[in-house]
Amino acid sequence: MVEKNTDKVNEAVEELTKVVQDSYRMAWENTAAVQESNTRLARSLYESNVKVLEAQAEIQSDIHRYTLQGMAEQIRKHREVFQELSRDSLDAYDGFLDSLSSYHKEVSKGLEEPKD
């Protein structure tokens, strides 16, 4: 009878040991699966962030290009306005010099004419 009880206890211990080993094995497999999942998630987040940064860099590049193009256009317009103002100013100066020349001729004529 004691032998039967010992056999039953041994069987129970073996079964309990097997259940505990299976439980540890499942816990280990689940931990490994969670770590693998976390690794995939981290990689995915990293790759997503890299893509976002690349997109932002491209947008910034486009903004800078459009800004520079706009500035170049503004510079071209300002240059045209400055050239027009310079021509107008030069024309006005030429007109002023012509008027001085005409005035000088008129005054010189008046001085050369004999007085009666």
PDB file of N, CA and C in Angstrom:
ATOM      1  N   MET A   1       0.802  -1.176   0.000  1.00  0.00           N
ATOM      2  CA  MET A   1       0.000   0.000   0.000  1.00  0.00           C
ATOM      3  C   MET A   1       0.861   1.261   0.000  1.00  0.00           C
ATOM      4  N   VAL A   2       1.879   1.223   0.775  1.00  0.00           N
ATOM      5  CA  VAL A   2       2.788   2.363   0.836  1.00  0.00           C
ATOM      6  C   VAL A   2       3.461   2.522  -0.525  1.00  0.00           C
ATOM      7  N   GLU A   3       3.741   1.370  -1.148  1.00  0.00           N
ATOM      8  CA  GLU A   3       4.357   1.431  -2.462  1.00  0.00           C
ATOM      9  C   GLU A   3       3.409   2.056  -3.476  1.00  0.00           C
ATOM     10  N   LYS A   4       2.140   1.743  -3.390  1.00  0.00           N
ATOM     11  CA  LYS A   4       1.150   2.326  -4.287  1.00  0.00           C
ATOM     12  C   LYS A   4       1.070   3.828  -4.066  1.00  0.00           C
ATOM     13  N   ASN A   5       1.051   4.208  -2.817  1.00  0.00           N
ATOM     14  CA  ASN A   5       0.991   5.633  -2.492  1.00  0.00           C
ATOM     15  C   ASN A   5       2.258   6.337  -2.986  1.00  0.00           C
ATOM     16  N   THR A   6       3.395   5.689  -2.836  1.00  0.00           N
ATOM     17  CA  THR A   6       4.650   6.272  -3.292  1.00  0.00           C
ATOM     18  C   THR A   6       4.648   6.399  -4.800  1.00  0.00           C
ATOM     19  N   ASP A   7       4.121   5.383  -5.475  1.00  0.00           N
ATOM     20  CA  ASP A   7       4.036   5.442  -6.933  1.00  0.00           C
ATOM     21  C   ASP A   7       3.105   6.573  -7.366  1.00  0.00           C
ATOM     22  N   LYS A   8       1.967   6.686  -6.661  1.00  0.00           N
ATOM     23  CA  LYS A   8       1.016   7.759  -6.996  1.00  0.00           C
ATOM     24  C   LYS A   8       1.644   9.120  -6.744  1.00  0.00           C
ATOM     25  N   VAL A   9       2.371   9.246  -5.646  1.00  0.00           N
ATOM     26  CA  VAL A   9       3.024  10.515  -5.325  1.00  0.00           C
ATOM     27  C   VAL A   9       4.080  10.809  -6.381  1.00  0.00           C
ATOM     28  N   ASN A  10       4.849   9.793  -6.756  1.00  0.00           N
ATOM     29  CA  ASN A  10       5.876   9.981  -7.784  1.00  0.00           C
ATOM     30  C   ASN A  10       5.244  10.380  -9.117  1.00  0.00           C
ATOM     31  N   GLU A  11       4.157   9.740  -9.462  1.00  0.00           N
ATOM     32  CA  GLU A  11       3.456  10.089 -10.698  1.00  0.00           C
ATOM     33  C   GLU A  11       2.933  11.518 -10.626  1.00  0.00           C
ATOM     34  N   ALA A  12       2.389  11.866  -9.483  1.00  0.00           N
ATOM     35  CA  ALA A  12       1.864  13.219  -9.304  1.00  0.00           C
ATOM     36  C   ALA A  12       2.999  14.237  -9.407  1.00  0.00           C
ATOM     37  N   VAL A  13       4.140  13.917  -8.808  1.00  0.00           N
ATOM     38  CA  VAL A  13       5.292  14.825  -8.862  1.00  0.00           C
ATOM     39  C   VAL A  13       5.789  14.943 -10.291  1.00  0.00           C
ATOM     40  N   GLU A  14       5.868  13.826 -11.004  1.00  0.00           N
ATOM     41  CA  GLU A  14       6.300  13.856 -12.391  1.00  0.00           C
ATOM     42  C   GLU A  14       5.336  14.671 -13.240  1.00  0.00           C
ATOM     43  N   GLU A  15       4.054  14.474 -13.005  1.00  0.00           N
ATOM     44  CA  GLU A  15       3.043  15.221 -13.764  1.00  0.00           C
ATOM     45  C   GLU A  15       3.141  16.707 -13.442  1.00  0.00           C
ATOM     46  N   LEU A  16       3.309  17.015 -12.169  1.00  0.00           N
ATOM     47  CA  LEU A  16       3.435  18.414 -11.747  1.00  0.00           C
ATOM     48  C   LEU A  16       4.698  19.021 -12.365  1.00  0.00           C
ATOM     49  N   THR A  17       5.786  18.245 -12.375  1.00  0.00           N
ATOM     50  CA  THR A  17       7.038  18.725 -12.967  1.00  0.00           C
ATOM     51  C   THR A  17       6.839  18.997 -14.456  1.00  0.00           C
ATOM     52  N   LYS A  18       6.151  18.091 -15.129  1.00  0.00           N
ATOM     53  CA  LYS A  18       5.893  18.276 -16.558  1.00  0.00           C
ATOM     54  C   LYS A  18       5.030  19.505 -16.802  1.00  0.00           C
ATOM     55  N   VAL A  19       4.006  19.702 -15.981  1.00  0.00           N
ATOM     56  CA  VAL A  19       3.130  20.869 -16.127  1.00  0.00           C
ATOM     57  C   VAL A  19       3.927  22.153 -15.907  1.00  0.00           C
ATOM     58  N   VAL A  20       4.783  22.151 -14.875  1.00  0.00           N
ATOM     59  CA  VAL A  20       5.598  23.346 -14.594  1.00  0.00           C
ATOM     60  C   VAL A  20       6.564  23.596 -15.744  1.00  0.00           C
ATOM     61  N   GLN A  21       7.201  22.524 -16.260  1.00  0.00           N
ATOM     62  CA  GLN A  21       8.122  22.685 -17.390  1.00  0.00           C
ATOM     63  C   GLN A  21       7.387  23.217 -18.612  1.00  0.00           C
ATOM     64  N   ASP A  22       6.209  22.669 -18.886  1.00  0.00           N
ATOM     65  CA  ASP A  22       5.410  23.162 -20.018  1.00  0.00           C
ATOM     66  C   ASP A  22       5.031  24.624 -19.817  1.00  0.00           C
ATOM     67  N   SER A  23       4.677  24.968 -18.582  1.00  0.00           N
ATOM     68  CA  SER A  23       4.313  26.350 -18.273  1.00  0.00           C
ATOM     69  C   SER A  23       5.494  27.281 -18.517  1.00  0.00           C
ATOM     70  N   TYR A  24       6.699  26.887 -18.045  1.00  0.00           N
ATOM     71  CA  TYR A  24       7.895  27.699 -18.285  1.00  0.00           C
ATOM     72  C   TYR A  24       8.209  27.801 -19.767  1.00  0.00           C
ATOM     73  N   ARG A  25       8.067  26.678 -20.460  1.00  0.00           N
ATOM     74  CA  ARG A  25       8.323  26.668 -21.905  1.00  0.00           C
ATOM     75  C   ARG A  25       7.377  27.632 -22.614  1.00  0.00           C
ATOM     76  N   MET A  26       6.088  27.586 -22.271  1.00  0.00           N
ATOM     77  CA  MET A  26       5.111  28.500 -22.887  1.00  0.00           C
ATOM     78  C   MET A  26       5.419  29.954 -22.535  1.00  0.00           C
ATOM     79  N   ALA A  27       5.803  30.185 -21.271  1.00  0.00           N
ATOM     80  CA  ALA A  27       6.151  31.549 -20.860  1.00  0.00           C
ATOM     81  C   ALA A  27       7.364  32.037 -21.656  1.00  0.00           C
ATOM     82  N   TRP A  28       8.369  31.155 -21.829  1.00  0.00           N
ATOM     83  CA  TRP A  28       9.555  31.505 -22.596  1.00  0.00           C
ATOM     84  C   TRP A  28       9.202  31.799 -24.049  1.00  0.00           C
ATOM     85  N   GLU A  29       8.381  30.956 -24.649  1.00  0.00           N
ATOM     86  CA  GLU A  29       7.961  31.168 -26.036  1.00  0.00           C
ATOM     87  C   GLU A  29       7.169  32.454 -26.179  1.00  0.00           C
ATOM     88  N   ASN A  30       6.274  32.718 -25.225  1.00  0.00           N
ATOM     89  CA  ASN A  30       5.494  33.963 -25.258  1.00  0.00           C
ATOM     90  C   ASN A  30       6.402  35.184 -25.099  1.00  0.00           C
ATOM     91  N   THR A  31       7.390  35.075 -24.218  1.00  0.00           N
ATOM     92  CA  THR A  31       8.332  36.186 -24.022  1.00  0.00           C
ATOM     93  C   THR A  31       9.123  36.432 -25.307  1.00  0.00           C
ATOM     94  N   ALA A  32       9.576  35.345 -25.929  1.00  0.00           N
ATOM     95  CA  ALA A  32      10.310  35.484 -27.178  1.00  0.00           C
ATOM     96  C   ALA A  32       9.429  36.099 -28.263  1.00  0.00           C
ATOM     97  N   ALA A  33       8.170  35.685 -28.322  1.00  0.00           N
ATOM     98  CA  ALA A  33       7.242  36.234 -29.315  1.00  0.00           C
ATOM     99  C   ALA A  33       6.995  37.719 -29.061  1.00  0.00           C
ATOM    100  N   VAL A  34       6.845  38.095 -27.789  1.00  0.00           N
ATOM    101  CA  VAL A  34       6.629  39.511 -27.448  1.00  0.00           C
ATOM    102  C   VAL A  34       7.869  40.320 -27.812  1.00  0.00           C
ATOM    103  N   GLN A  35       9.059  39.788 -27.530  1.00  0.00           N
ATOM    104  CA  GLN A  35      10.290  40.502 -27.884  1.00  0.00           C
ATOM    105  C   GLN A  35      10.409  40.670 -29.395  1.00  0.00           C
ATOM    106  N   GLU A  36      10.068  39.625 -30.127  1.00  0.00           N
ATOM    107  CA  GLU A  36      10.105  39.718 -31.584  1.00  0.00           C
ATOM    108  C   GLU A  36       9.106  40.750 -32.089  1.00  0.00           C
ATOM    109  N   SER A  37       7.926  40.743 -31.497  1.00  0.00           N
ATOM    110  CA  SER A  37       6.898  41.723 -31.876  1.00  0.00           C
ATOM    111  C   SER A  37       7.364  43.137 -31.552  1.00  0.00           C
ATOM    112  N   ASN A  38       7.969  43.314 -30.389  1.00  0.00           N
ATOM    113  CA  ASN A  38       8.478  44.637 -30.009  1.00  0.00           C
ATOM    114  C   ASN A  38       9.589  45.087 -30.950  1.00  0.00           C
ATOM    115  N   THR A  39      10.428  44.156 -31.360  1.00  0.00           N
ATOM    116  CA  THR A  39      11.498  44.478 -32.308  1.00  0.00           C
ATOM    117  C   THR A  39      10.911  44.933 -33.634  1.00  0.00           C
ATOM    118  N   ARG A  40       9.897  44.208 -34.120  1.00  0.00           N
ATOM    119  CA  ARG A  40       9.242  44.612 -35.377  1.00  0.00           C
ATOM    120  C   ARG A  40       8.590  45.979 -35.227  1.00  0.00           C
ATOM    121  N   LEU A  41       7.944  46.212 -34.093  1.00  0.00           N
ATOM    122  CA  LEU A  41       7.300  47.501 -33.852  1.00  0.00           C
ATOM    123  C   LEU A  41       8.341  48.620 -33.820  1.00  0.00           C
ATOM    124  N   ALA A  42       9.441  48.389 -33.104  1.00  0.00           N
ATOM    125  CA  ALA A  42      10.494  49.410 -33.019  1.00  0.00           C
ATOM    126  C   ALA A  42      11.070  49.693 -34.403  1.00  0.00           C
ATOM    127  N   ARG A  43      11.312  48.641 -35.192  1.00  0.00           N
ATOM    128  CA  ARG A  43      11.834  48.818 -36.542  1.00  0.00           C
ATOM    129  C   ARG A  43      10.838  49.604 -37.396  1.00  0.00           C
ATOM    130  N   SER A  44       9.573  49.246 -37.269  1.00  0.00           N
ATOM    131  CA  SER A  44       8.534  49.937 -38.039  1.00  0.00           C
ATOM    132  C   SER A  44       8.467  51.415 -37.661  1.00  0.00           C
ATOM    133  N   LEU A  45       8.512  51.704 -36.355  1.00  0.00           N
ATOM    134  CA  LEU A  45       8.494  53.100 -35.906  1.00  0.00           C
ATOM    135  C   LEU A  45       9.719  53.852 -36.417  1.00  0.00           C
ATOM    136  N   TYR A  46      10.875  53.223 -36.349  1.00  0.00           N
ATOM    137  CA  TYR A  46      12.099  53.853 -36.828  1.00  0.00           C
ATOM    138  C   TYR A  46      11.995  54.158 -38.323  1.00  0.00           C
ATOM    139  N   GLU A  47      11.550  53.163 -39.098  1.00  0.00           N
ATOM    140  CA  GLU A  47      11.433  53.362 -40.540  1.00  0.00           C
ATOM    141  C   GLU A  47      10.395  54.433 -40.858  1.00  0.00           C
ATOM    142  N   SER A  48       9.301  54.458 -40.091  1.00  0.00           N
ATOM    143  CA  SER A  48       8.288  55.490 -40.303  1.00  0.00           C
ATOM    144  C   SER A  48       8.858  56.870 -40.008  1.00  0.00           C
ATOM    145  N   ASN A  49       9.623  56.962 -38.915  1.00  0.00           N
ATOM    146  CA  ASN A  49      10.223  58.253 -38.570  1.00  0.00           C
ATOM    147  C   ASN A  49      11.218  58.696 -39.631  1.00  0.00           C
ATOM    148  N   VAL A  50      11.978  57.760 -40.158  1.00  0.00           N
ATOM    149  CA  VAL A  50      12.929  58.099 -41.218  1.00  0.00           C
ATOM    150  C   VAL A  50      12.169  58.621 -42.435  1.00  0.00           C
ATOM    151  N   LYS A  51      11.067  57.963 -42.780  1.00  0.00           N
ATOM    152  CA  LYS A  51      10.277  58.406 -43.931  1.00  0.00           C
ATOM    153  C   LYS A  51       9.693  59.793 -43.675  1.00  0.00           C
ATOM    154  N   VAL A  52       9.223  60.025 -42.453  1.00  0.00           N
ATOM    155  CA  VAL A  52       8.671  61.350 -42.117  1.00  0.00           C
ATOM    156  C   VAL A  52       9.760  62.409 -42.227  1.00  0.00           C
ATOM    157  N   LEU A  53      10.947  62.105 -41.701  1.00  0.00           N
ATOM    158  CA  LEU A  53      12.051  63.064 -41.783  1.00  0.00           C
ATOM    159  C   LEU A  53      12.457  63.336 -43.223  1.00  0.00           C
ATOM    160  N   GLU A  54      12.481  62.287 -44.036  1.00  0.00           N
ATOM    161  CA  GLU A  54      12.810  62.479 -45.451  1.00  0.00           C
ATOM    162  C   GLU A  54      11.764  63.356 -46.126  1.00  0.00           C
ATOM    163  N   ALA A  55      10.487  63.123 -45.808  1.00  0.00           N
ATOM    164  CA  ALA A  55       9.417  63.933 -46.398  1.00  0.00           C
ATOM    165  C   ALA A  55       9.543  65.384 -45.949  1.00  0.00           C
ATOM    166  N   GLN A  56       9.834  65.593 -44.658  1.00  0.00           N
ATOM    167  CA  GLN A  56      10.007  66.957 -44.159  1.00  0.00           C
ATOM    168  C   GLN A  56      11.188  67.641 -44.833  1.00  0.00           C
ATOM    169  N   ALA A  57      12.274  66.916 -45.015  1.00  0.00           N
ATOM    170  CA  ALA A  57      13.446  67.486 -45.682  1.00  0.00           C
ATOM    171  C   ALA A  57      13.103  67.870 -47.118  1.00  0.00           C
ATOM    172  N   GLU A  58      12.344  67.023 -47.788  1.00  0.00           N
ATOM    173  CA  GLU A  58      11.944  67.320 -49.168  1.00  0.00           C
ATOM    174  C   GLU A  58      11.039  68.553 -49.209  1.00  0.00           C
ATOM    175  N   ILE A  59      10.121  68.638 -48.263  1.00  0.00           N
ATOM    176  CA  ILE A  59       9.229  69.804 -48.201  1.00  0.00           C
ATOM    177  C   ILE A  59      10.041  71.066 -47.945  1.00  0.00           C
ATOM    178  N   GLN A  60      10.992  70.989 -46.992  1.00  0.00           N
ATOM    179  CA  GLN A  60      11.840  72.150 -46.706  1.00  0.00           C
ATOM    180  C   GLN A  60      12.643  72.549 -47.941  1.00  0.00           C
ATOM    181  N   SER A  61      13.130  71.561 -48.661  1.00  0.00           N
ATOM    182  CA  SER A  61      13.884  71.832 -49.885  1.00  0.00           C
ATOM    183  C   SER A  61      13.005  72.540 -50.910  1.00  0.00           C
ATOM    184  N   ASP A  62      11.765  72.063 -51.056  1.00  0.00           N
ATOM    185  CA  ASP A  62      10.836  72.697 -51.987  1.00  0.00           C
ATOM    186  C   ASP A  62      10.536  74.126 -51.551  1.00  0.00           C
ATOM    187  N   ILE A  63      10.323  74.322 -50.257  1.00  0.00           N
ATOM    188  CA  ILE A  63      10.042  75.669 -49.739  1.00  0.00           C
ATOM    189  C   ILE A  63      11.209  76.592 -50.034  1.00  0.00           C
ATOM    190  N   HIS A  64      12.429  76.117 -49.770  1.00  0.00           N
ATOM    191  CA  HIS A  64      13.607  76.946 -50.031  1.00  0.00           C
ATOM    192  C   HIS A  64      13.731  77.261 -51.519  1.00  0.00           C
ATOM    193  N   ARG A  65      13.478  76.264 -52.363  1.00  0.00           N
ATOM    194  CA  ARG A  65      13.579  76.484 -53.808  1.00  0.00           C
ATOM    195  C   ARG A  65      12.565  77.536 -54.253  1.00  0.00           C
ATOM    196  N   TYR A  66      11.310  77.398 -53.784  1.00  0.00           N
ATOM    197  CA  TYR A  66      10.281  78.359 -54.171  1.00  0.00           C
ATOM    198  C   TYR A  66      10.587  79.741 -53.602  1.00  0.00           C
ATOM    199  N   THR A  67      11.127  79.779 -52.402  1.00  0.00           N
ATOM    200  CA  THR A  67      11.494  81.063 -51.802  1.00  0.00           C
ATOM    201  C   THR A  67      12.595  81.728 -52.620  1.00  0.00           C
ATOM    202  N   LEU A  68      13.603  80.944 -52.994  1.00  0.00           N
ATOM    203  CA  LEU A  68      14.694  81.503 -53.797  1.00  0.00           C
ATOM    204  C   LEU A  68      14.204  81.949 -55.167  1.00  0.00           C
ATOM    205  N   GLN A  69      13.294  81.178 -55.759  1.00  0.00           N
ATOM    206  CA  GLN A  69      12.733  81.574 -57.049  1.00  0.00           C
ATOM    207  C   GLN A  69      11.949  82.880 -56.905  1.00  0.00           C
ATOM    208  N   GLY A  70      11.187  82.988 -55.822  1.00  0.00           N
ATOM    209  CA  GLY A  70      10.431  84.224 -55.566  1.00  0.00           C
ATOM    210  C   GLY A  70      11.355  85.409 -55.355  1.00  0.00           C
ATOM    211  N   MET A  71      12.427  85.167 -54.612  1.00  0.00           N
ATOM    212  CA  MET A  71      13.390  86.246 -54.388  1.00  0.00           C
ATOM    213  C   MET A  71      14.055  86.653 -55.689  1.00  0.00           C
ATOM    214  N   ALA A  72      14.404  85.699 -56.520  1.00  0.00           N
ATOM    215  CA  ALA A  72      15.021  86.015 -57.807  1.00  0.00           C
ATOM    216  C   ALA A  72      14.070  86.838 -58.666  1.00  0.00           C
ATOM    217  N   GLU A  73      12.796  86.485 -58.640  1.00  0.00           N
ATOM    218  CA  GLU A  73      11.795  87.247 -59.397  1.00  0.00           C
ATOM    219  C   GLU A  73      11.674  88.672 -58.858  1.00  0.00           C
ATOM    220  N   GLN A  74      11.663  88.825 -57.534  1.00  0.00           N
ATOM    221  CA  GLN A  74      11.584  90.153 -56.932  1.00  0.00           C
ATOM    222  C   GLN A  74      12.820  90.982 -57.280  1.00  0.00           C
ATOM    223  N   ILE A  75      13.990  90.358 -57.263  1.00  0.00           N
ATOM    224  CA  ILE A  75      15.222  91.062 -57.622  1.00  0.00           C
ATOM    225  C   ILE A  75      15.158  91.524 -59.077  1.00  0.00           C
ATOM    226  N   ARG A  76      14.659  90.650 -59.952  1.00  0.00           N
ATOM    227  CA  ARG A  76      14.532  91.016 -61.366  1.00  0.00           C
ATOM    228  C   ARG A  76      13.599  92.216 -61.517  1.00  0.00           C
ATOM    229  N   LYS A  77      12.468  92.195 -60.816  1.00  0.00           N
ATOM    230  CA  LYS A  77      11.507  93.310 -60.901  1.00  0.00           C
ATOM    231  C   LYS A  77      12.125  94.593 -60.352  1.00  0.00           C
ATOM    232  N   HIS A  78      12.834  94.484 -59.217  1.00  0.00           N
ATOM    233  CA  HIS A  78      13.454  95.672 -58.637  1.00  0.00           C
ATOM    234  C   HIS A  78      14.515  96.241 -59.574  1.00  0.00           C
ATOM    235  N   ARG A  79      15.271  95.357 -60.220  1.00  0.00           N
ATOM    236  CA  ARG A  79      16.286  95.812 -61.170  1.00  0.00           C
ATOM    237  C   ARG A  79      15.632  96.568 -62.329  1.00  0.00           C
ATOM    238  N   GLU A  80      14.518  96.037 -62.846  1.00  0.00           N
ATOM    239  CA  GLU A  80      13.809  96.709 -63.942  1.00  0.00           C
ATOM    240  C   GLU A  80      13.306  98.080 -63.499  1.00  0.00           C
ATOM    241  N   VAL A  81      12.738  98.154 -62.298  1.00  0.00           N
ATOM    242  CA  VAL A  81      12.241  99.442 -61.785  1.00  0.00           C
ATOM    243  C   VAL A  81      13.407 100.407 -61.603  1.00  0.00           C
ATOM    244  N   PHE A  82      14.501  99.931 -61.052  1.00  0.00           N
ATOM    245  CA  PHE A  82      15.674 100.792 -60.850  1.00  0.00           C
ATOM    246  C   PHE A  82      16.207 101.304 -62.185  1.00  0.00           C
ATOM    247  N   GLN A  83      16.271 100.426 -63.194  1.00  0.00           N
ATOM    248  CA  GLN A  83      16.739 100.856 -64.512  1.00  0.00           C
ATOM    249  C   GLN A  83      15.803 101.912 -65.094  1.00  0.00           C
ATOM    250  N   GLU A  84      14.509 101.719 -64.940  1.00  0.00           N
ATOM    251  CA  GLU A  84      13.539 102.699 -65.451  1.00  0.00           C
ATOM    252  C   GLU A  84      13.703 104.038 -64.727  1.00  0.00           C
ATOM    253  N   LEU A  85      13.844 103.985 -63.393  1.00  0.00           N
ATOM    254  CA  LEU A  85      14.052 105.221 -62.629  1.00  0.00           C
ATOM    255  C   LEU A  85      15.357 105.900 -63.030  1.00  0.00           C
ATOM    256  N   SER A  86      16.393 105.104 -63.270  1.00  0.00           N
ATOM    257  CA  SER A  86      17.680 105.669 -63.691  1.00  0.00           C
ATOM    258  C   SER A  86      17.541 106.350 -65.041  1.00  0.00           C
ATOM    259  N   ARG A  87      16.826 105.708 -65.987  1.00  0.00           N
ATOM    260  CA  ARG A  87      16.614 106.336 -67.299  1.00  0.00           C
ATOM    261  C   ARG A  87      15.824 107.635 -67.150  1.00  0.00           C
ATOM    262  N   ASP A  88      14.772 107.603 -66.343  1.00  0.00           N
ATOM    263  CA  ASP A  88      13.967 108.812 -66.139  1.00  0.00           C
ATOM    264  C   ASP A  88      14.808 109.919 -65.510  1.00  0.00           C
ATOM    265  N   SER A  89      15.626 109.542 -64.534  1.00  0.00           N
ATOM    266  CA  SER A  89      16.476 110.525 -63.871  1.00  0.00           C
ATOM    267  C   SER A  89      17.498 111.098 -64.857  1.00  0.00           C
ATOM    268  N   LEU A  90      18.085 110.251 -65.674  1.00  0.00           N
ATOM    269  CA  LEU A  90      19.052 110.704 -66.664  1.00  0.00           C
ATOM    270  C   LEU A  90      18.382 111.612 -67.695  1.00  0.00           C
ATOM    271  N   ASP A  91      17.176 111.245 -68.118  1.00  0.00           N
ATOM    272  CA  ASP A  91      16.434 112.095 -69.059  1.00  0.00           C
ATOM    273  C   ASP A  91      16.135 113.459 -68.437  1.00  0.00           C
ATOM    274  N   ALA A  92      15.755 113.448 -67.158  1.00  0.00           N
ATOM    275  CA  ALA A  92      15.465 114.717 -66.479  1.00  0.00           C
ATOM    276  C   ALA A  92      16.733 115.565 -66.380  1.00  0.00           C
ATOM    277  N   TYR A  93      17.854 114.938 -66.093  1.00  0.00           N
ATOM    278  CA  TYR A  93      19.123 115.666 -65.997  1.00  0.00           C
ATOM    279  C   TYR A  93      19.523 116.224 -67.357  1.00  0.00           C
ATOM    280  N   ASP A  94      19.346 115.408 -68.411  1.00  0.00           N
ATOM    281  CA  ASP A  94      19.636 115.897 -69.759  1.00  0.00           C
ATOM    282  C   ASP A  94      18.762 117.103 -70.090  1.00  0.00           C
ATOM    283  N   GLY A  95      17.486 117.012 -69.715  1.00  0.00           N
ATOM    284  CA  GLY A  95      16.573 118.142 -69.954  1.00  0.00           C
ATOM    285  C   GLY A  95      17.025 119.383 -69.199  1.00  0.00           C
ATOM    286  N   PHE A  96      17.479 119.216 -67.968  1.00  0.00           N
ATOM    287  CA  PHE A  96      17.960 120.336 -67.173  1.00  0.00           C
ATOM    288  C   PHE A  96      19.196 120.962 -67.829  1.00  0.00           C
ATOM    289  N   LEU A  97      20.140 120.117 -68.283  1.00  0.00           N
ATOM    290  CA  LEU A  97      21.335 120.641 -68.946  1.00  0.00           C
ATOM    291  C   LEU A  97      20.963 121.355 -70.250  1.00  0.00           C
ATOM    292  N   ASP A  98      20.007 120.800 -70.994  1.00  0.00           N
ATOM    293  CA  ASP A  98      19.568 121.457 -72.223  1.00  0.00           C
ATOM    294  C   ASP A  98      18.948 122.815 -71.920  1.00  0.00           C
ATOM    295  N   SER A  99      18.173 122.872 -70.830  1.00  0.00           N
ATOM    296  CA  SER A  99      17.553 124.162 -70.496  1.00  0.00           C
ATOM    297  C   SER A  99      18.617 125.188 -70.089  1.00  0.00           C
ATOM    298  N   LEU A 100      19.649 124.740 -69.381  1.00  0.00           N
ATOM    299  CA  LEU A 100      20.737 125.663 -69.036  1.00  0.00           C
ATOM    300  C   LEU A 100      21.460 126.146 -70.285  1.00  0.00           C
ATOM    301  N   SER A 101      21.677 125.226 -71.227  1.00  0.00           N
ATOM    302  CA  SER A 101      22.344 125.583 -72.473  1.00  0.00           C
ATOM    303  C   SER A 101      21.492 126.584 -73.240  1.00  0.00           C
ATOM    304  N   SER A 102      20.190 126.320 -73.308  1.00  0.00           N
ATOM    305  CA  SER A 102      19.290 127.245 -74.018  1.00  0.00           C
ATOM    306  C   SER A 102      19.275 128.607 -73.333  1.00  0.00           C
ATOM    307  N   TYR A 103      19.239 128.612 -72.028  1.00  0.00           N
ATOM    308  CA  TYR A 103      19.235 129.872 -71.288  1.00  0.00           C
ATOM    309  C   TYR A 103      20.536 130.628 -71.544  1.00  0.00           C
ATOM    310  N   HIS A 104      21.643 129.929 -71.551  1.00  0.00           N
ATOM    311  CA  HIS A 104      22.934 130.556 -71.806  1.00  0.00           C
ATOM    312  C   HIS A 104      22.967 131.172 -73.207  1.00  0.00           C
ATOM    313  N   LYS A 105      22.446 130.430 -74.203  1.00  0.00           N
ATOM    314  CA  LYS A 105      22.405 130.953 -75.570  1.00  0.00           C
ATOM    315  C   LYS A 105      21.548 132.210 -75.630  1.00  0.00           C
ATOM    316  N   GLU A 106      20.410 132.199 -74.952  1.00  0.00           N
ATOM    317  CA  GLU A 106      19.506 133.357 -74.957  1.00  0.00           C
ATOM    318  C   GLU A 106      20.178 134.570 -74.321  1.00  0.00           C
ATOM    319  N   VAL A 107      20.842 134.308 -73.189  1.00  0.00           N
ATOM    320  CA  VAL A 107      21.501 135.418 -72.500  1.00  0.00           C
ATOM    321  C   VAL A 107      22.657 135.934 -73.344  1.00  0.00           C
ATOM    322  N   SER A 108      23.406 135.044 -73.962  1.00  0.00           N
ATOM    323  CA  SER A 108      24.534 135.439 -74.798  1.00  0.00           C
ATOM    324  C   SER A 108      24.046 136.239 -75.994  1.00  0.00           C
ATOM    325  N   LYS A 109      22.934 135.848 -76.573  1.00  0.00           N
ATOM    326  CA  LYS A 109      22.365 136.562 -77.698  1.00  0.00           C
ATOM    327  C   LYS A 109      22.003 137.975 -77.301  1.00  0.00           C
ATOM    328  N   GLY A 110      21.418 138.076 -76.124  1.00  0.00           N
ATOM    329  CA  GLY A 110      21.004 139.397 -75.648  1.00  0.00           C
ATOM    330  C   GLY A 110      22.199 140.302 -75.400  1.00  0.00           C
ATOM    331  N   LEU A 111      23.288 139.765 -74.987  1.00  0.00           N
ATOM    332  CA  LEU A 111      24.468 140.575 -74.727  1.00  0.00           C
ATOM    333  C   LEU A 111      25.150 140.976 -76.019  1.00  0.00           C
ATOM    334  N   GLU A 112      25.077 140.172 -77.060  1.00  0.00           N
ATOM    335  CA  GLU A 112      25.730 140.448 -78.318  1.00  0.00           C
ATOM    336  C   GLU A 112      24.939 141.455 -79.156  1.00  0.00           C
ATOM    337  N   GLU A 113      23.670 141.539 -78.953  1.00  0.00           N
ATOM    338  CA  GLU A 113      22.859 142.450 -79.767  1.00  0.00           C
ATOM    339  C   GLU A 113      23.209 143.897 -79.411  1.00  0.00           C
ATOM    340  N   PRO A 114      23.351 144.740 -80.450  1.00  0.00           N
ATOM    341  CA  PRO A 114      23.675 146.155 -80.147  1.00  0.00           C
ATOM    342  C   PRO A 114      22.490 146.843 -79.519  1.00  0.00           C
ATOM    343  N   LYS A 115      22.825 147.742 -78.641  1.00  0.00           N
ATOM    344  CA  LYS A 115      21.769 148.499 -77.975  1.00  0.00           C
ATOM    345  C   LYS A 115      21.592 149.815 -78.702  1.00  0.00           C
ATOM    346  N   ASP A 116      20.421 150.153 -79.020  1.00  0.00           N
ATOM    347  CA  ASP A 116      20.128 151.350 -79.768  1.00  0.00           C
ATOM    348  C   ASP A 116      19.843 152.510 -78.907  1.00  0.00           C
TER     349      ASP A 116
END
